[in-house]
Amino acid sequence: MTTNARAEYTTRMKHQLDELNSKIDQLEAKAAKANQEVMQTYQAELAKARKESQLASAKFAEMKAAGEDSWDKMTAEMEKVRDAFVHSFSYFKSQV
């Protein structure tokens, strides 16, 4: 992958992760207005989404530091982690 393509991919992935984190923050604020029983469910799902966010951030940092020889493998792994994050977020969003 060329340096330019790598930079574009990295920028696009960072934007996607930042956008998901922002949406989680918005849903967390919405969930905070819920009653106590519902809030317990939200907290569990929010914790799962935050964990996926942390995994995605760690994988993103690892991907950025990857050498050319492992770049393709790292991008494939990054996309799997991002997809898990999106799934976790989508489930949380469906519960709020």
PDB file of N, CA and C in Angstrom:
ATOM      1  N   MET A   1       0.855  -1.173   0.000  1.00  0.00           N
ATOM      2  CA  MET A   1       0.000   0.000   0.000  1.00  0.00           C
ATOM      3  C   MET A   1       0.897   1.231   0.000  1.00  0.00           C
ATOM      4  N   THR A   2       0.573   2.189  -0.830  1.00  0.00           N
ATOM      5  CA  THR A   2       1.388   3.402  -0.911  1.00  0.00           C
ATOM      6  C   THR A   2       1.230   4.228   0.363  1.00  0.00           C
ATOM      7  N   THR A   3       2.192   5.080   0.586  1.00  0.00           N
ATOM      8  CA  THR A   3       2.155   5.940   1.773  1.00  0.00           C
ATOM      9  C   THR A   3       0.902   6.806   1.764  1.00  0.00           C
ATOM     10  N   ASN A   4       0.526   7.316   0.602  1.00  0.00           N
ATOM     11  CA  ASN A   4      -0.663   8.156   0.488  1.00  0.00           C
ATOM     12  C   ASN A   4      -1.933   7.356   0.776  1.00  0.00           C
ATOM     13  N   ALA A   5      -2.018   6.161   0.219  1.00  0.00           N
ATOM     14  CA  ALA A   5      -3.193   5.319   0.459  1.00  0.00           C
ATOM     15  C   ALA A   5      -3.275   4.932   1.929  1.00  0.00           C
ATOM     16  N   ARG A   6      -2.132   4.656   2.526  1.00  0.00           N
ATOM     17  CA  ARG A   6      -2.093   4.306   3.948  1.00  0.00           C
ATOM     18  C   ARG A   6      -2.577   5.479   4.793  1.00  0.00           C
ATOM     19  N   ALA A   7      -2.123   6.678   4.471  1.00  0.00           N
ATOM     20  CA  ALA A   7      -2.546   7.875   5.209  1.00  0.00           C
ATOM     21  C   ALA A   7      -4.048   8.108   5.054  1.00  0.00           C
ATOM     22  N   GLU A   8      -4.565   7.917   3.850  1.00  0.00           N
ATOM     23  CA  GLU A   8      -6.000   8.088   3.620  1.00  0.00           C
ATOM     24  C   GLU A   8      -6.807   7.064   4.413  1.00  0.00           C
ATOM     25  N   TYR A   9      -6.349   5.818   4.407  1.00  0.00           N
ATOM     26  CA  TYR A   9      -7.041   4.762   5.148  1.00  0.00           C
ATOM     27  C   TYR A   9      -7.025   5.082   6.637  1.00  0.00           C
ATOM     28  N   THR A  10      -5.868   5.468   7.144  1.00  0.00           N
ATOM     29  CA  THR A  10      -5.733   5.786   8.563  1.00  0.00           C
ATOM     30  C   THR A  10      -6.650   6.937   8.952  1.00  0.00           C
ATOM     31  N   THR A  11      -6.692   7.967   8.124  1.00  0.00           N
ATOM     32  CA  THR A  11      -7.568   9.119   8.391  1.00  0.00           C
ATOM     33  C   THR A  11      -9.031   8.698   8.383  1.00  0.00           C
ATOM     34  N   ARG A  12      -9.425   7.900   7.397  1.00  0.00           N
ATOM     35  CA  ARG A  12     -10.816   7.444   7.300  1.00  0.00           C
ATOM     36  C   ARG A  12     -11.198   6.587   8.513  1.00  0.00           C
ATOM     37  N   MET A  13     -10.307   5.680   8.922  1.00  0.00           N
ATOM     38  CA  MET A  13     -10.601   4.814  10.065  1.00  0.00           C
ATOM     39  C   MET A  13     -10.695   5.643  11.347  1.00  0.00           C
ATOM     40  N   LYS A  14      -9.801   6.608  11.528  1.00  0.00           N
ATOM     41  CA  LYS A  14      -9.832   7.472  12.715  1.00  0.00           C
ATOM     42  C   LYS A  14     -11.153   8.227  12.754  1.00  0.00           C
ATOM     43  N   HIS A  15     -11.582   8.745  11.623  1.00  0.00           N
ATOM     44  CA  HIS A  15     -12.856   9.474  11.550  1.00  0.00           C
ATOM     45  C   HIS A  15     -14.029   8.562  11.950  1.00  0.00           C
ATOM     46  N   GLN A  16     -14.032   7.332  11.459  1.00  0.00           N
ATOM     47  CA  GLN A  16     -15.111   6.398  11.785  1.00  0.00           C
ATOM     48  C   GLN A  16     -15.138   6.096  13.277  1.00  0.00           C
ATOM     49  N   LEU A  17     -13.979   5.867  13.872  1.00  0.00           N
ATOM     50  CA  LEU A  17     -13.923   5.571  15.304  1.00  0.00           C
ATOM     51  C   LEU A  17     -14.348   6.782  16.131  1.00  0.00           C
ATOM     52  N   ASP A  18     -13.876   7.975  15.747  1.00  0.00           N
ATOM     53  CA  ASP A  18     -14.268   9.191  16.458  1.00  0.00           C
ATOM     54  C   ASP A  18     -15.777   9.417  16.373  1.00  0.00           C
ATOM     55  N   GLU A  19     -16.349   9.166  15.207  1.00  0.00           N
ATOM     56  CA  GLU A  19     -17.788   9.345  15.019  1.00  0.00           C
ATOM     57  C   GLU A  19     -18.580   8.371  15.899  1.00  0.00           C
ATOM     58  N   LEU A  20     -18.148   7.125  15.953  1.00  0.00           N
ATOM     59  CA  LEU A  20     -18.830   6.149  16.808  1.00  0.00           C
ATOM     60  C   LEU A  20     -18.724   6.534  18.274  1.00  0.00           C
ATOM     61  N   ASN A  21     -17.557   6.979  18.710  1.00  0.00           N
ATOM     62  CA  ASN A  21     -17.395   7.407  20.095  1.00  0.00           C
ATOM     63  C   ASN A  21     -18.285   8.595  20.417  1.00  0.00           C
ATOM     64  N   SER A  22     -18.422   9.517  19.492  1.00  0.00           N
ATOM     65  CA  SER A  22     -19.293  10.668  19.694  1.00  0.00           C
ATOM     66  C   SER A  22     -20.751  10.228  19.824  1.00  0.00           C
ATOM     67  N   LYS A  23     -21.158   9.296  18.982  1.00  0.00           N
ATOM     68  CA  LYS A  23     -22.532   8.788  19.042  1.00  0.00           C
ATOM     69  C   LYS A  23     -22.783   8.048  20.359  1.00  0.00           C
ATOM     70  N   ILE A  24     -21.789   7.324  20.839  1.00  0.00           N
ATOM     71  CA  ILE A  24     -21.942   6.645  22.134  1.00  0.00           C
ATOM     72  C   ILE A  24     -22.133   7.684  23.234  1.00  0.00           C
ATOM     73  N   ASP A  25     -21.356   8.761  23.191  1.00  0.00           N
ATOM     74  CA  ASP A  25     -21.508   9.825  24.184  1.00  0.00           C
ATOM     75  C   ASP A  25     -22.924  10.390  24.163  1.00  0.00           C
ATOM     76  N   GLN A  26     -23.464  10.596  22.967  1.00  0.00           N
ATOM     77  CA  GLN A  26     -24.823  11.128  22.837  1.00  0.00           C
ATOM     78  C   GLN A  26     -25.854  10.155  23.403  1.00  0.00           C
ATOM     79  N   LEU A  27     -25.675   8.864  23.099  1.00  0.00           N
ATOM     80  CA  LEU A  27     -26.613   7.874  23.619  1.00  0.00           C
ATOM     81  C   LEU A  27     -26.485   7.722  25.131  1.00  0.00           C
ATOM     82  N   GLU A  28     -25.273   7.860  25.627  1.00  0.00           N
ATOM     83  CA  GLU A  28     -25.074   7.784  27.076  1.00  0.00           C
ATOM     84  C   GLU A  28     -25.828   8.913  27.772  1.00  0.00           C
ATOM     85  N   ALA A  29     -25.792  10.094  27.196  1.00  0.00           N
ATOM     86  CA  ALA A  29     -26.527  11.225  27.764  1.00  0.00           C
ATOM     87  C   ALA A  29     -28.028  10.951  27.735  1.00  0.00           C
ATOM     88  N   LYS A  30     -28.500  10.373  26.650  1.00  0.00           N
ATOM     89  CA  LYS A  30     -29.917  10.028  26.534  1.00  0.00           C
ATOM     90  C   LYS A  30     -30.276   8.951  27.556  1.00  0.00           C
ATOM     91  N   ALA A  31     -29.412   7.965  27.718  1.00  0.00           N
ATOM     92  CA  ALA A  31     -29.671   6.872  28.656  1.00  0.00           C
ATOM     93  C   ALA A  31     -29.676   7.370  30.101  1.00  0.00           C
ATOM     94  N   ALA A  32     -28.911   8.395  30.377  1.00  0.00           N
ATOM     95  CA  ALA A  32     -28.836   8.931  31.734  1.00  0.00           C
ATOM     96  C   ALA A  32     -30.183   9.493  32.202  1.00  0.00           C
ATOM     97  N   LYS A  33     -31.042   9.798  31.268  1.00  0.00           N
ATOM     98  CA  LYS A  33     -32.360  10.336  31.605  1.00  0.00           C
ATOM     99  C   LYS A  33     -33.385   9.238  31.884  1.00  0.00           C
ATOM    100  N   ALA A  34     -33.000   7.989  31.677  1.00  0.00           N
ATOM    101  CA  ALA A  34     -33.916   6.858  31.845  1.00  0.00           C
ATOM    102  C   ALA A  34     -34.103   6.534  33.331  1.00  0.00           C
ATOM    103  N   ASN A  35     -35.143   5.754  33.614  1.00  0.00           N
ATOM    104  CA  ASN A  35     -35.371   5.356  34.994  1.00  0.00           C
ATOM    105  C   ASN A  35     -34.298   4.361  35.438  1.00  0.00           C
ATOM    106  N   GLN A  36     -34.224   4.087  36.723  1.00  0.00           N
ATOM    107  CA  GLN A  36     -33.144   3.285  37.305  1.00  0.00           C
ATOM    108  C   GLN A  36     -33.068   1.877  36.720  1.00  0.00           C
ATOM    109  N   GLU A  37     -34.178   1.198  36.570  1.00  0.00           N
ATOM    110  CA  GLU A  37     -34.183  -0.181  36.057  1.00  0.00           C
ATOM    111  C   GLU A  37     -33.649  -0.228  34.628  1.00  0.00           C
ATOM    112  N   VAL A  38     -34.136   0.667  33.821  1.00  0.00           N
ATOM    113  CA  VAL A  38     -33.690   0.731  32.432  1.00  0.00           C
ATOM    114  C   VAL A  38     -32.220   1.150  32.382  1.00  0.00           C
ATOM    115  N   MET A  39     -31.827   2.040  33.280  1.00  0.00           N
ATOM    116  CA  MET A  39     -30.450   2.529  33.302  1.00  0.00           C
ATOM    117  C   MET A  39     -29.463   1.394  33.564  1.00  0.00           C
ATOM    118  N   GLN A  40     -29.827   0.419  34.380  1.00  0.00           N
ATOM    119  CA  GLN A  40     -28.943  -0.711  34.644  1.00  0.00           C
ATOM    120  C   GLN A  40     -28.672  -1.501  33.362  1.00  0.00           C
ATOM    121  N   THR A  41     -29.700  -1.691  32.564  1.00  0.00           N
ATOM    122  CA  THR A  41     -29.532  -2.370  31.278  1.00  0.00           C
ATOM    123  C   THR A  41     -28.643  -1.537  30.370  1.00  0.00           C
ATOM    124  N   TYR A  42     -28.901  -0.236  30.316  1.00  0.00           N
ATOM    125  CA  TYR A  42     -28.084   0.652  29.488  1.00  0.00           C
ATOM    126  C   TYR A  42     -26.625   0.617  29.917  1.00  0.00           C
ATOM    127  N   GLN A  43     -26.400   0.617  31.228  1.00  0.00           N
ATOM    128  CA  GLN A  43     -25.022   0.626  31.726  1.00  0.00           C
ATOM    129  C   GLN A  43     -24.258  -0.612  31.272  1.00  0.00           C
ATOM    130  N   ALA A  44     -24.921  -1.764  31.288  1.00  0.00           N
ATOM    131  CA  ALA A  44     -24.267  -3.001  30.846  1.00  0.00           C
ATOM    132  C   ALA A  44     -23.932  -2.927  29.365  1.00  0.00           C
ATOM    133  N   GLU A  45     -24.871  -2.463  28.564  1.00  0.00           N
ATOM    134  CA  GLU A  45     -24.627  -2.354  27.124  1.00  0.00           C
ATOM    135  C   GLU A  45     -23.617  -1.251  26.817  1.00  0.00           C
ATOM    136  N   LEU A  46     -23.671  -0.173  27.575  1.00  0.00           N
ATOM    137  CA  LEU A  46     -22.705   0.908  27.396  1.00  0.00           C
ATOM    138  C   LEU A  46     -21.296   0.412  27.727  1.00  0.00           C
ATOM    139  N   ALA A  47     -21.163  -0.369  28.762  1.00  0.00           N
ATOM    140  CA  ALA A  47     -19.856  -0.918  29.130  1.00  0.00           C
ATOM    141  C   ALA A  47     -19.299  -1.790  27.996  1.00  0.00           C
ATOM    142  N   LYS A  48     -20.157  -2.579  27.368  1.00  0.00           N
ATOM    143  CA  LYS A  48     -19.718  -3.405  26.234  1.00  0.00           C
ATOM    144  C   LYS A  48     -19.256  -2.522  25.073  1.00  0.00           C
ATOM    145  N   ALA A  49     -20.022  -1.485  24.776  1.00  0.00           N
ATOM    146  CA  ALA A  49     -19.663  -0.588  23.680  1.00  0.00           C
ATOM    147  C   ALA A  49     -18.353   0.142  23.981  1.00  0.00           C
ATOM    148  N   ARG A  50     -18.170   0.576  25.208  1.00  0.00           N
ATOM    149  CA  ARG A  50     -16.929   1.262  25.596  1.00  0.00           C
ATOM    150  C   ARG A  50     -15.736   0.305  25.504  1.00  0.00           C
ATOM    151  N   LYS A  51     -15.940  -0.955  25.870  1.00  0.00           N
ATOM    152  CA  LYS A  51     -14.868  -1.937  25.772  1.00  0.00           C
ATOM    153  C   LYS A  51     -14.467  -2.117  24.305  1.00  0.00           C
ATOM    154  N   GLU A  52     -15.449  -2.224  23.421  1.00  0.00           N
ATOM    155  CA  GLU A  52     -15.165  -2.350  21.992  1.00  0.00           C
ATOM    156  C   GLU A  52     -14.442  -1.103  21.485  1.00  0.00           C
ATOM    157  N   SER A  53     -14.806   0.058  22.010  1.00  0.00           N
ATOM    158  CA  SER A  53     -14.140   1.300  21.637  1.00  0.00           C
ATOM    159  C   SER A  53     -12.667   1.261  22.042  1.00  0.00           C
ATOM    160  N   GLN A  54     -12.403   0.785  23.236  1.00  0.00           N
ATOM    161  CA  GLN A  54     -11.015   0.690  23.709  1.00  0.00           C
ATOM    162  C   GLN A  54     -10.219  -0.294  22.860  1.00  0.00           C
ATOM    163  N   LEU A  55     -10.833  -1.431  22.521  1.00  0.00           N
ATOM    164  CA  LEU A  55     -10.154  -2.407  21.666  1.00  0.00           C
ATOM    165  C   LEU A  55      -9.860  -1.809  20.295  1.00  0.00           C
ATOM    166  N   ALA A  56     -10.824  -1.078  19.756  1.00  0.00           N
ATOM    167  CA  ALA A  56     -10.637  -0.456  18.446  1.00  0.00           C
ATOM    168  C   ALA A  56      -9.528   0.593  18.495  1.00  0.00           C
ATOM    169  N   SER A  57      -9.489   1.372  19.558  1.00  0.00           N
ATOM    170  CA  SER A  57      -8.443   2.387  19.689  1.00  0.00           C
ATOM    171  C   SER A  57      -7.064   1.749  19.801  1.00  0.00           C
ATOM    172  N   ALA A  58      -6.971   0.674  20.563  1.00  0.00           N
ATOM    173  CA  ALA A  58      -5.692  -0.031  20.702  1.00  0.00           C
ATOM    174  C   ALA A  58      -5.257  -0.638  19.370  1.00  0.00           C
ATOM    175  N   LYS A  59      -6.189  -1.245  18.664  1.00  0.00           N
ATOM    176  CA  LYS A  59      -5.865  -1.849  17.362  1.00  0.00           C
ATOM    177  C   LYS A  59      -5.493  -0.758  16.362  1.00  0.00           C
ATOM    178  N   PHE A  60      -6.147   0.388  16.441  1.00  0.00           N
ATOM    179  CA  PHE A  60      -5.830   1.505  15.551  1.00  0.00           C
ATOM    180  C   PHE A  60      -4.388   1.964  15.781  1.00  0.00           C
ATOM    181  N   ALA A  61      -3.998   2.102  17.040  1.00  0.00           N
ATOM    182  CA  ALA A  61      -2.625   2.511  17.353  1.00  0.00           C
ATOM    183  C   ALA A  61      -1.629   1.465  16.844  1.00  0.00           C
ATOM    184  N   GLU A  62      -1.957   0.205  17.016  1.00  0.00           N
ATOM    185  CA  GLU A  62      -1.108  -0.880  16.528  1.00  0.00           C
ATOM    186  C   GLU A  62      -1.006  -0.839  15.000  1.00  0.00           C
ATOM    187  N   MET A  63      -2.121  -0.589  14.350  1.00  0.00           N
ATOM    188  CA  MET A  63      -2.143  -0.528  12.891  1.00  0.00           C
ATOM    189  C   MET A  63      -1.281   0.627  12.386  1.00  0.00           C
ATOM    190  N   LYS A  64      -1.406   1.797  13.029  1.00  0.00           N
ATOM    191  CA  LYS A  64      -0.624   2.956  12.607  1.00  0.00           C
ATOM    192  C   LYS A  64       0.872   2.699  12.719  1.00  0.00           C
ATOM    193  N   ALA A  65       1.267   1.906  13.704  1.00  0.00           N
ATOM    194  CA  ALA A  65       2.687   1.630  13.933  1.00  0.00           C
ATOM    195  C   ALA A  65       3.200   0.462  13.095  1.00  0.00           C
ATOM    196  N   ALA A  66       2.319  -0.233  12.410  1.00  0.00           N
ATOM    197  CA  ALA A  66       2.700  -1.423  11.650  1.00  0.00           C
ATOM    198  C   ALA A  66       3.600  -1.063  10.473  1.00  0.00           C
ATOM    199  N   GLY A  67       4.515  -1.950  10.206  1.00  0.00           N
ATOM    200  CA  GLY A  67       5.382  -1.782   9.052  1.00  0.00           C
ATOM    201  C   GLY A  67       4.661  -2.205   7.782  1.00  0.00           C
ATOM    202  N   GLU A  68       5.277  -1.917   6.676  1.00  0.00           N
ATOM    203  CA  GLU A  68       4.680  -2.263   5.379  1.00  0.00           C
ATOM    204  C   GLU A  68       4.421  -3.760   5.247  1.00  0.00           C
ATOM    205  N   ASP A  69       5.294  -4.571   5.836  1.00  0.00           N
ATOM    206  CA  ASP A  69       5.152  -6.018   5.706  1.00  0.00           C
ATOM    207  C   ASP A  69       3.921  -6.568   6.413  1.00  0.00           C
ATOM    208  N   SER A  70       3.434  -5.863   7.414  1.00  0.00           N
ATOM    209  CA  SER A  70       2.261  -6.354   8.139  1.00  0.00           C
ATOM    210  C   SER A  70       1.031  -5.463   7.959  1.00  0.00           C
ATOM    211  N   TRP A  71       1.133  -4.451   7.114  1.00  0.00           N
ATOM    212  CA  TRP A  71       0.034  -3.487   6.947  1.00  0.00           C
ATOM    213  C   TRP A  71      -1.274  -4.142   6.523  1.00  0.00           C
ATOM    214  N   ASP A  72      -1.234  -4.997   5.505  1.00  0.00           N
ATOM    215  CA  ASP A  72      -2.469  -5.621   5.017  1.00  0.00           C
ATOM    216  C   ASP A  72      -3.134  -6.457   6.097  1.00  0.00           C
ATOM    217  N   LYS A  73      -2.347  -7.200   6.842  1.00  0.00           N
ATOM    218  CA  LYS A  73      -2.887  -8.007   7.943  1.00  0.00           C
ATOM    219  C   LYS A  73      -3.513  -7.100   9.003  1.00  0.00           C
ATOM    220  N   MET A  74      -2.831  -6.014   9.322  1.00  0.00           N
ATOM    221  CA  MET A  74      -3.328  -5.104  10.355  1.00  0.00           C
ATOM    222  C   MET A  74      -4.620  -4.416   9.923  1.00  0.00           C
ATOM    223  N   THR A  75      -4.728  -4.058   8.643  1.00  0.00           N
ATOM    224  CA  THR A  75      -5.963  -3.405   8.203  1.00  0.00           C
ATOM    225  C   THR A  75      -7.130  -4.386   8.260  1.00  0.00           C
ATOM    226  N   ALA A  76      -6.877  -5.643   7.928  1.00  0.00           N
ATOM    227  CA  ALA A  76      -7.942  -6.654   8.017  1.00  0.00           C
ATOM    228  C   ALA A  76      -8.375  -6.831   9.466  1.00  0.00           C
ATOM    229  N   GLU A  77      -7.418  -6.880  10.381  1.00  0.00           N
ATOM    230  CA  GLU A  77      -7.745  -7.003  11.807  1.00  0.00           C
ATOM    231  C   GLU A  77      -8.475  -5.762  12.303  1.00  0.00           C
ATOM    232  N   MET A  78      -8.034  -4.595  11.849  1.00  0.00           N
ATOM    233  CA  MET A  78      -8.665  -3.334  12.255  1.00  0.00           C
ATOM    234  C   MET A  78     -10.117  -3.300  11.811  1.00  0.00           C
ATOM    235  N   GLU A  79     -10.381  -3.766  10.616  1.00  0.00           N
ATOM    236  CA  GLU A  79     -11.756  -3.758  10.129  1.00  0.00           C
ATOM    237  C   GLU A  79     -12.640  -4.715  10.920  1.00  0.00           C
ATOM    238  N   LYS A  80     -12.096  -5.841  11.354  1.00  0.00           N
ATOM    239  CA  LYS A  80     -12.865  -6.768  12.193  1.00  0.00           C
ATOM    240  C   LYS A  80     -13.191  -6.131  13.532  1.00  0.00           C
ATOM    241  N   VAL A  81     -12.198  -5.468  14.129  1.00  0.00           N
ATOM    242  CA  VAL A  81     -12.416  -4.809  15.419  1.00  0.00           C
ATOM    243  C   VAL A  81     -13.412  -3.667  15.258  1.00  0.00           C
ATOM    244  N   ARG A  82     -13.272  -2.892  14.174  1.00  0.00           N
ATOM    245  CA  ARG A  82     -14.219  -1.804  13.927  1.00  0.00           C
ATOM    246  C   ARG A  82     -15.634  -2.349  13.740  1.00  0.00           C
ATOM    247  N   ASP A  83     -15.763  -3.444  13.011  1.00  0.00           N
ATOM    248  CA  ASP A  83     -17.080  -4.042  12.802  1.00  0.00           C
ATOM    249  C   ASP A  83     -17.702  -4.499  14.115  1.00  0.00           C
ATOM    250  N   ALA A  84     -16.884  -5.059  15.006  1.00  0.00           N
ATOM    251  CA  ALA A  84     -17.384  -5.462  16.324  1.00  0.00           C
ATOM    252  C   ALA A  84     -17.845  -4.233  17.109  1.00  0.00           C
ATOM    253  N   PHE A  85     -17.102  -3.146  16.995  1.00  0.00           N
ATOM    254  CA  PHE A  85     -17.460  -1.898  17.653  1.00  0.00           C
ATOM    255  C   PHE A  85     -18.780  -1.371  17.094  1.00  0.00           C
ATOM    256  N   VAL A  86     -18.925  -1.380  15.791  1.00  0.00           N
ATOM    257  CA  VAL A  86     -20.169  -0.928  15.148  1.00  0.00           C
ATOM    258  C   VAL A  86     -21.339  -1.791  15.607  1.00  0.00           C
ATOM    259  N   HIS A  87     -21.141  -3.098  15.665  1.00  0.00           N
ATOM    260  CA  HIS A  87     -22.202  -4.003  16.101  1.00  0.00           C
ATOM    261  C   HIS A  87     -22.593  -3.704  17.546  1.00  0.00           C
ATOM    262  N   SER A  88     -21.602  -3.546  18.410  1.00  0.00           N
ATOM    263  CA  SER A  88     -21.873  -3.238  19.815  1.00  0.00           C
ATOM    264  C   SER A  88     -22.619  -1.913  19.938  1.00  0.00           C
ATOM    265  N   PHE A  89     -22.176  -0.913  19.189  1.00  0.00           N
ATOM    266  CA  PHE A  89     -22.846   0.384  19.201  1.00  0.00           C
ATOM    267  C   PHE A  89     -24.282   0.257  18.712  1.00  0.00           C
ATOM    268  N   SER A  90     -24.474  -0.452  17.624  1.00  0.00           N
ATOM    269  CA  SER A  90     -25.820  -0.610  17.049  1.00  0.00           C
ATOM    270  C   SER A  90     -26.760  -1.292  18.031  1.00  0.00           C
ATOM    271  N   TYR A  91     -26.256  -2.299  18.728  1.00  0.00           N
ATOM    272  CA  TYR A  91     -27.096  -2.975  19.707  1.00  0.00           C
ATOM    273  C   TYR A  91     -27.439  -2.028  20.846  1.00  0.00           C
ATOM    274  N   PHE A  92     -26.449  -1.289  21.347  1.00  0.00           N
ATOM    275  CA  PHE A  92     -26.703  -0.326  22.411  1.00  0.00           C
ATOM    276  C   PHE A  92     -27.738   0.706  21.954  1.00  0.00           C
ATOM    277  N   LYS A  93     -27.557   1.202  20.732  1.00  0.00           N
ATOM    278  CA  LYS A  93     -28.483   2.209  20.197  1.00  0.00           C
ATOM    279  C   LYS A  93     -29.901   1.650  20.119  1.00  0.00           C
ATOM    280  N   SER A  94     -30.040   0.390  19.769  1.00  0.00           N
ATOM    281  CA  SER A  94     -31.376  -0.210  19.658  1.00  0.00           C
ATOM    282  C   SER A  94     -32.041  -0.360  21.024  1.00  0.00           C
ATOM    283  N   GLN A  95     -31.249  -0.361  22.083  1.00  0.00           N
ATOM    284  CA  GLN A  95     -31.790  -0.526  23.428  1.00  0.00           C
ATOM    285  C   GLN A  95     -32.199   0.793  24.063  1.00  0.00           C
ATOM    286  N   VAL A  96     -31.666   1.889  23.549  1.00  0.00           N
ATOM    287  CA  VAL A  96     -31.945   3.208  24.150  1.00  0.00           C
ATOM    288  C   VAL A  96     -33.248   3.768  23.612  1.00  0.00           C
TER     289      VAL A  96
END
